[in-house]
Each structure stands twice: as C-alpha cells, then as structure tokens.
C-alpha cells in the first residue's frame, strides 16, 4: 500500500497541541490517523465492489468462450453438411444431364439441342 506523505507540515498550532487534544477521548486514536483510516476504508469498499464486478466478468467470459466454441463447432458442421448437399445435387444434376443426352442420341432424327427445357432439381 502506498504511504501518504503530506506535502506540507502540520500547522504550528497543531504541532504545539498536547497529545490529549489530538486524540479521540473515546477510542484513543489520533484524529489525523482516524481521518486517513476512514479514507482507506472508503477506498477498500470501492475496491471490493470493483473486485466483485471483475469476478463476475471472469464467469461471464468463461460462459461466452464456451458458447463461442459451441457455435464454431455448429458452424463447421453446417459447412460440412452444406458441402455434402451441394456435391450430392451436382452429382444428381450431372446424372440427369447424362441421361438426357443419351435419350437424345437414341431418338431418330433428333436435333441435339440443349435449348429444350428440362426439369431442374
């Protein structure tokens, strides 16, 4: 903890006071020390409140990290599934095109043309 060093010396009238005048008659603590003690208590309360906030932050960050990992895994799985579906559609489309071309070749006097409409997947 930082030690507070006053910039100015105590006023001469305080320095000349007897110890009985500078001390609380109830608890015996110097009024100057009591003031510093109260200031430190307030600072400590503020720091405890800040620590609670940061402690909650750590828990929230852990939950968010786990959620991010889960979403990343889901995303990768969706990508794989989508690639698989796309490959499957391409394969079916190629097969239909091959069948269509073979049928056209078997027809007599066919004008092999891809301008004829054919049904999409």
N, C-alpha and C. Protein backbone atom coordinates (compact mmCIF):
# COMPACT_ATOMS: atom_id res chain seq x y z
N UNK A 1 0.84 -1.16 0.00
CA UNK A 1 0.00 0.00 0.00
C UNK A 1 0.90 1.23 0.00
N UNK A 2 0.50 2.24 -0.76
CA UNK A 2 1.27 3.47 -0.83
C UNK A 2 1.16 4.25 0.48
N UNK A 3 2.25 4.77 0.87
CA UNK A 3 2.26 5.59 2.09
C UNK A 3 2.06 7.03 1.68
N UNK A 4 1.13 7.68 2.33
CA UNK A 4 0.84 9.07 2.02
C UNK A 4 1.81 9.97 2.77
N UNK A 5 2.55 10.73 2.04
CA UNK A 5 3.47 11.69 2.65
C UNK A 5 2.90 13.07 2.39
N UNK A 6 2.54 13.80 3.43
CA UNK A 6 1.94 15.12 3.23
C UNK A 6 2.92 16.09 2.57
N UNK A 7 2.38 16.95 1.75
CA UNK A 7 3.21 17.94 1.06
C UNK A 7 3.62 19.07 2.00
N UNK A 8 2.77 19.38 2.96
CA UNK A 8 3.03 20.49 3.88
C UNK A 8 3.07 19.95 5.30
N UNK A 9 3.90 20.56 6.10
CA UNK A 9 3.98 20.17 7.51
C UNK A 9 2.70 20.60 8.22
N UNK A 10 2.42 19.97 9.35
CA UNK A 10 1.26 20.35 10.13
C UNK A 10 1.39 21.80 10.59
N UNK A 11 0.28 22.49 10.66
CA UNK A 11 0.35 23.86 11.18
C UNK A 11 0.95 23.88 12.58
N UNK A 12 1.60 24.96 12.88
CA UNK A 12 2.32 25.08 14.16
C UNK A 12 1.40 24.92 15.36
N UNK A 13 0.15 25.43 15.28
CA UNK A 13 -0.76 25.30 16.42
C UNK A 13 -1.13 23.85 16.70
N UNK A 14 -1.20 23.02 15.63
CA UNK A 14 -1.49 21.59 15.85
C UNK A 14 -0.27 20.91 16.44
N UNK A 15 0.92 21.28 15.95
CA UNK A 15 2.14 20.67 16.48
C UNK A 15 2.30 20.97 17.97
N UNK A 16 1.85 22.15 18.40
CA UNK A 16 2.01 22.55 19.81
C UNK A 16 0.93 21.99 20.71
N UNK A 17 -0.11 21.35 20.11
CA UNK A 17 -1.20 20.79 20.93
C UNK A 17 -0.69 19.63 21.76
N UNK A 18 -1.28 19.46 22.92
CA UNK A 18 -0.91 18.32 23.76
C UNK A 18 -1.50 17.05 23.15
N UNK A 19 -0.92 15.87 23.42
CA UNK A 19 -1.43 14.61 22.87
C UNK A 19 -2.89 14.36 23.24
N UNK A 20 -3.33 14.81 24.38
CA UNK A 20 -4.72 14.60 24.78
C UNK A 20 -5.69 15.34 23.87
N UNK A 21 -5.23 16.48 23.31
CA UNK A 21 -6.09 17.27 22.43
C UNK A 21 -6.16 16.68 21.01
N UNK A 22 -5.15 15.91 20.61
CA UNK A 22 -5.09 15.36 19.26
C UNK A 22 -5.69 13.96 19.16
N UNK A 23 -6.14 13.43 20.29
CA UNK A 23 -6.58 12.04 20.31
C UNK A 23 -8.06 11.97 20.69
N UNK A 24 -8.77 11.04 20.06
CA UNK A 24 -10.17 10.81 20.39
C UNK A 24 -10.25 10.29 21.82
N UNK A 25 -11.07 10.92 22.62
CA UNK A 25 -11.19 10.53 24.03
C UNK A 25 -11.91 9.20 24.18
N UNK A 26 -12.68 8.79 23.17
CA UNK A 26 -13.43 7.53 23.24
C UNK A 26 -12.55 6.34 22.86
N UNK A 27 -11.86 6.45 21.69
CA UNK A 27 -11.10 5.27 21.21
C UNK A 27 -9.59 5.44 21.35
N UNK A 28 -9.11 6.65 21.55
CA UNK A 28 -7.68 6.86 21.73
C UNK A 28 -6.90 6.99 20.44
N UNK A 29 -7.57 7.05 19.31
CA UNK A 29 -6.89 7.14 18.02
C UNK A 29 -6.71 8.62 17.67
N UNK A 30 -5.55 8.93 17.14
CA UNK A 30 -5.27 10.30 16.71
C UNK A 30 -6.27 10.70 15.63
N UNK A 31 -6.75 11.93 15.71
CA UNK A 31 -7.71 12.40 14.71
C UNK A 31 -7.12 12.38 13.30
N UNK A 32 -5.84 12.64 13.19
CA UNK A 32 -5.19 12.62 11.87
C UNK A 32 -5.17 11.19 11.31
N UNK A 33 -4.87 10.24 12.15
CA UNK A 33 -4.85 8.84 11.71
C UNK A 33 -6.27 8.37 11.44
N UNK A 34 -7.22 8.80 12.27
CA UNK A 34 -8.61 8.42 12.08
C UNK A 34 -9.11 8.87 10.71
N UNK A 35 -8.77 10.07 10.31
CA UNK A 35 -9.17 10.59 9.00
C UNK A 35 -8.59 9.72 7.88
N UNK A 36 -7.30 9.39 7.98
CA UNK A 36 -6.68 8.53 6.97
C UNK A 36 -7.31 7.14 6.97
N UNK A 37 -7.61 6.63 8.16
CA UNK A 37 -8.23 5.31 8.28
C UNK A 37 -9.59 5.29 7.59
N UNK A 38 -10.40 6.31 7.79
CA UNK A 38 -11.73 6.39 7.15
C UNK A 38 -11.58 6.48 5.63
N UNK A 39 -10.60 7.25 5.18
CA UNK A 39 -10.36 7.35 3.73
C UNK A 39 -9.97 5.99 3.16
N UNK A 40 -9.13 5.25 3.90
CA UNK A 40 -8.73 3.92 3.43
C UNK A 40 -9.91 2.96 3.43
N UNK A 41 -10.80 3.07 4.42
CA UNK A 41 -11.99 2.21 4.44
C UNK A 41 -12.85 2.46 3.20
N UNK A 42 -13.05 3.70 2.83
CA UNK A 42 -13.83 4.03 1.64
C UNK A 42 -13.17 3.49 0.37
N UNK A 43 -11.87 3.64 0.31
CA UNK A 43 -11.13 3.12 -0.85
C UNK A 43 -11.24 1.59 -0.92
N UNK A 44 -11.15 0.94 0.24
CA UNK A 44 -11.26 -0.52 0.29
C UNK A 44 -12.65 -0.97 -0.16
N UNK A 45 -13.71 -0.28 0.28
CA UNK A 45 -15.07 -0.64 -0.15
C UNK A 45 -15.21 -0.52 -1.66
N UNK A 46 -14.66 0.56 -2.22
CA UNK A 46 -14.73 0.74 -3.68
C UNK A 46 -13.97 -0.38 -4.40
N UNK A 47 -12.82 -0.77 -3.86
CA UNK A 47 -12.03 -1.84 -4.48
C UNK A 47 -12.74 -3.19 -4.37
N UNK A 48 -13.40 -3.46 -3.25
CA UNK A 48 -14.16 -4.70 -3.10
C UNK A 48 -15.29 -4.76 -4.12
N UNK A 49 -15.97 -3.64 -4.31
CA UNK A 49 -17.05 -3.60 -5.29
C UNK A 49 -16.50 -3.86 -6.71
N UNK A 50 -15.35 -3.26 -7.00
CA UNK A 50 -14.72 -3.47 -8.31
C UNK A 50 -14.29 -4.93 -8.48
N UNK A 51 -13.77 -5.54 -7.41
CA UNK A 51 -13.36 -6.94 -7.49
C UNK A 51 -14.56 -7.85 -7.78
N UNK A 52 -15.69 -7.56 -7.14
CA UNK A 52 -16.90 -8.37 -7.40
C UNK A 52 -17.30 -8.25 -8.86
N UNK A 53 -17.20 -7.03 -9.40
CA UNK A 53 -17.54 -6.84 -10.81
C UNK A 53 -16.62 -7.68 -11.69
N UNK A 54 -15.30 -7.62 -11.42
CA UNK A 54 -14.36 -8.36 -12.25
C UNK A 54 -14.50 -9.86 -12.05
N UNK A 55 -14.84 -10.29 -10.84
CA UNK A 55 -15.05 -11.72 -10.61
C UNK A 55 -16.23 -12.19 -11.47
N UNK A 56 -17.29 -11.39 -11.53
CA UNK A 56 -18.42 -11.72 -12.40
C UNK A 56 -18.01 -11.71 -13.85
N UNK A 57 -17.09 -10.83 -14.21
CA UNK A 57 -16.62 -10.75 -15.59
C UNK A 57 -15.92 -12.04 -16.01
N UNK A 58 -15.15 -12.61 -15.12
CA UNK A 58 -14.44 -13.86 -15.42
C UNK A 58 -15.45 -14.97 -15.69
N UNK A 59 -16.47 -15.06 -14.85
CA UNK A 59 -17.50 -16.08 -15.05
C UNK A 59 -18.24 -15.86 -16.37
N UNK A 60 -18.58 -14.60 -16.65
CA UNK A 60 -19.28 -14.30 -17.91
C UNK A 60 -18.39 -14.63 -19.11
N UNK A 61 -17.11 -14.32 -19.01
CA UNK A 61 -16.20 -14.60 -20.13
C UNK A 61 -16.09 -16.10 -20.37
N UNK A 62 -16.03 -16.89 -19.29
CA UNK A 62 -15.96 -18.35 -19.45
C UNK A 62 -17.19 -18.87 -20.17
N UNK A 63 -18.38 -18.37 -19.77
CA UNK A 63 -19.62 -18.80 -20.43
C UNK A 63 -19.62 -18.39 -21.90
N UNK A 64 -19.16 -17.18 -22.18
CA UNK A 64 -19.13 -16.71 -23.57
C UNK A 64 -18.13 -17.49 -24.41
N UNK A 65 -16.99 -17.85 -23.81
CA UNK A 65 -15.99 -18.66 -24.52
C UNK A 65 -16.58 -20.02 -24.90
N UNK A 66 -17.29 -20.63 -23.95
CA UNK A 66 -17.91 -21.93 -24.21
C UNK A 66 -18.97 -21.82 -25.30
N UNK A 67 -19.76 -20.77 -25.24
CA UNK A 67 -20.79 -20.56 -26.26
C UNK A 67 -20.15 -20.34 -27.63
N UNK A 68 -19.06 -19.58 -27.66
CA UNK A 68 -18.35 -19.35 -28.92
C UNK A 68 -17.80 -20.65 -29.49
N UNK A 69 -17.24 -21.49 -28.62
CA UNK A 69 -16.73 -22.80 -29.08
C UNK A 69 -17.87 -23.64 -29.67
N UNK A 70 -18.99 -23.66 -28.98
CA UNK A 70 -20.14 -24.43 -29.44
C UNK A 70 -20.65 -23.91 -30.78
N UNK A 71 -20.76 -22.61 -30.92
CA UNK A 71 -21.22 -22.02 -32.18
C UNK A 71 -20.23 -22.28 -33.31
N UNK A 72 -18.94 -22.25 -33.00
CA UNK A 72 -17.92 -22.54 -34.02
C UNK A 72 -18.04 -23.98 -34.51
N UNK A 73 -18.26 -24.90 -33.56
CA UNK A 73 -18.43 -26.30 -33.94
C UNK A 73 -19.69 -26.48 -34.80
N UNK A 74 -20.79 -25.83 -34.40
CA UNK A 74 -22.02 -25.90 -35.19
C UNK A 74 -21.80 -25.36 -36.59
N UNK A 75 -21.09 -24.24 -36.68
CA UNK A 75 -20.82 -23.62 -37.98
C UNK A 75 -20.02 -24.57 -38.87
N UNK A 76 -18.99 -25.18 -38.31
CA UNK A 76 -18.18 -26.13 -39.10
C UNK A 76 -19.03 -27.30 -39.57
N UNK A 77 -19.90 -27.80 -38.70
CA UNK A 77 -20.77 -28.93 -39.08
C UNK A 77 -21.73 -28.51 -40.19
N UNK A 78 -22.30 -27.30 -40.09
CA UNK A 78 -23.20 -26.81 -41.13
C UNK A 78 -22.46 -26.65 -42.46
N UNK A 79 -21.21 -26.20 -42.40
CA UNK A 79 -20.42 -26.06 -43.63
C UNK A 79 -20.22 -27.43 -44.28
N UNK A 80 -19.87 -28.42 -43.46
CA UNK A 80 -19.65 -29.77 -43.99
C UNK A 80 -20.94 -30.32 -44.59
N UNK A 81 -22.05 -30.15 -43.86
CA UNK A 81 -23.34 -30.62 -44.36
C UNK A 81 -23.72 -29.93 -45.66
N UNK A 82 -23.49 -28.64 -45.74
CA UNK A 82 -23.83 -27.87 -46.94
C UNK A 82 -22.98 -28.32 -48.12
N UNK A 83 -21.67 -28.54 -47.90
CA UNK A 83 -20.80 -29.02 -48.97
C UNK A 83 -21.27 -30.38 -49.46
N UNK A 84 -21.65 -31.24 -48.53
CA UNK A 84 -22.13 -32.57 -48.89
C UNK A 84 -23.40 -32.49 -49.73
N UNK A 85 -24.33 -31.63 -49.31
CA UNK A 85 -25.58 -31.47 -50.06
C UNK A 85 -25.31 -30.90 -51.44
N UNK A 86 -24.40 -29.95 -51.52
CA UNK A 86 -24.06 -29.34 -52.81
C UNK A 86 -23.45 -30.38 -53.74
N UNK A 87 -22.52 -31.19 -53.22
CA UNK A 87 -21.92 -32.24 -54.04
C UNK A 87 -22.98 -33.23 -54.51
N UNK A 88 -23.89 -33.57 -53.64
CA UNK A 88 -24.97 -34.50 -53.99
C UNK A 88 -25.84 -33.92 -55.10
N UNK A 89 -26.19 -32.67 -55.00
CA UNK A 89 -27.01 -32.02 -56.03
C UNK A 89 -26.28 -31.96 -57.36
N UNK A 90 -24.98 -31.66 -57.30
CA UNK A 90 -24.20 -31.61 -58.54
C UNK A 90 -24.15 -32.99 -59.19
N UNK A 91 -23.95 -34.02 -58.38
CA UNK A 91 -23.91 -35.39 -58.91
C UNK A 91 -25.24 -35.76 -59.56
N UNK A 92 -26.36 -35.42 -58.91
CA UNK A 92 -27.68 -35.73 -59.48
C UNK A 92 -27.90 -34.95 -60.77
N UNK A 93 -27.47 -33.72 -60.79
CA UNK A 93 -27.63 -32.89 -61.98
C UNK A 93 -26.81 -33.45 -63.14
N UNK A 94 -25.58 -33.87 -62.87
CA UNK A 94 -24.74 -34.47 -63.93
C UNK A 94 -25.39 -35.75 -64.46
N UNK A 95 -25.90 -36.56 -63.54
CA UNK A 95 -26.56 -37.81 -63.94
C UNK A 95 -27.76 -37.53 -64.84
N UNK A 96 -28.58 -36.55 -64.46
CA UNK A 96 -29.76 -36.21 -65.27
C UNK A 96 -29.34 -35.69 -66.64
N UNK A 97 -28.27 -34.92 -66.66
CA UNK A 97 -27.78 -34.39 -67.93
C UNK A 97 -27.28 -35.53 -68.82
N UNK A 98 -26.56 -36.48 -68.23
CA UNK A 98 -26.08 -37.63 -69.00
C UNK A 98 -27.25 -38.44 -69.55
N UNK A 99 -28.25 -38.69 -68.72
CA UNK A 99 -29.42 -39.44 -69.15
C UNK A 99 -30.14 -38.69 -70.27
N UNK A 100 -30.29 -37.40 -70.11
CA UNK A 100 -30.95 -36.58 -71.13
C UNK A 100 -30.20 -36.66 -72.46
N UNK A 101 -28.87 -36.57 -72.40
CA UNK A 101 -28.06 -36.63 -73.62
C UNK A 101 -28.17 -38.02 -74.27
N UNK A 102 -28.17 -39.07 -73.47
CA UNK A 102 -28.28 -40.42 -74.02
C UNK A 102 -29.64 -40.62 -74.69
N UNK A 103 -30.68 -40.11 -74.09
CA UNK A 103 -32.02 -40.22 -74.66
C UNK A 103 -32.08 -39.48 -75.99
N UNK A 104 -31.48 -38.33 -76.04
CA UNK A 104 -31.48 -37.54 -77.27
C UNK A 104 -30.72 -38.27 -78.38
N UNK A 105 -29.63 -38.96 -78.04
CA UNK A 105 -28.85 -39.69 -79.03
C UNK A 105 -29.63 -40.88 -79.59
N UNK A 106 -30.48 -41.46 -78.77
CA UNK A 106 -31.24 -42.64 -79.21
C UNK A 106 -32.43 -42.27 -80.09
N UNK A 107 -32.90 -41.07 -80.02
CA UNK A 107 -34.05 -40.66 -80.83
C UNK A 107 -33.63 -40.52 -82.29
N UNK A 108 -34.48 -41.02 -83.19
CA UNK A 108 -34.15 -40.86 -84.60
C UNK A 108 -34.39 -39.41 -85.02
N UNK A 109 -33.52 -38.94 -85.89
CA UNK A 109 -33.61 -37.58 -86.43
C UNK A 109 -33.70 -36.52 -85.32
N UNK A 110 -33.02 -36.75 -84.25
CA UNK A 110 -33.09 -35.76 -83.17
C UNK A 110 -32.15 -34.61 -83.48
N UNK A 111 -32.61 -33.49 -83.17
CA UNK A 111 -31.75 -32.31 -83.30
C UNK A 111 -31.22 -32.05 -81.89
N UNK A 112 -30.06 -32.56 -81.69
CA UNK A 112 -29.46 -32.50 -80.35
C UNK A 112 -29.33 -31.03 -79.94
N UNK A 113 -30.21 -30.65 -79.05
CA UNK A 113 -30.21 -29.25 -78.65
C UNK A 113 -30.43 -29.16 -77.14
N UNK A 114 -29.65 -28.35 -76.55
CA UNK A 114 -29.82 -28.14 -75.11
C UNK A 114 -30.74 -26.96 -74.85
N UNK A 115 -31.34 -26.46 -75.91
CA UNK A 115 -32.25 -25.33 -75.71
C UNK A 115 -33.62 -25.80 -75.29
N UNK A 116 -33.85 -27.12 -75.40
CA UNK A 116 -35.14 -27.66 -74.95
C UNK A 116 -35.20 -27.55 -73.44
N UNK A 117 -36.36 -27.22 -72.91
CA UNK A 117 -36.45 -27.11 -71.46
C UNK A 117 -36.31 -28.48 -70.80
N UNK A 118 -35.63 -28.52 -69.73
CA UNK A 118 -35.61 -29.74 -68.96
C UNK A 118 -35.79 -29.37 -67.49
N UNK A 119 -36.31 -30.32 -66.77
CA UNK A 119 -36.74 -30.09 -65.40
C UNK A 119 -35.52 -29.97 -64.47
N UNK A 120 -35.53 -28.93 -63.67
CA UNK A 120 -34.44 -28.75 -62.72
C UNK A 120 -34.71 -29.57 -61.46
N UNK A 121 -33.68 -29.73 -60.70
CA UNK A 121 -33.82 -30.47 -59.44
C UNK A 121 -34.66 -29.69 -58.53
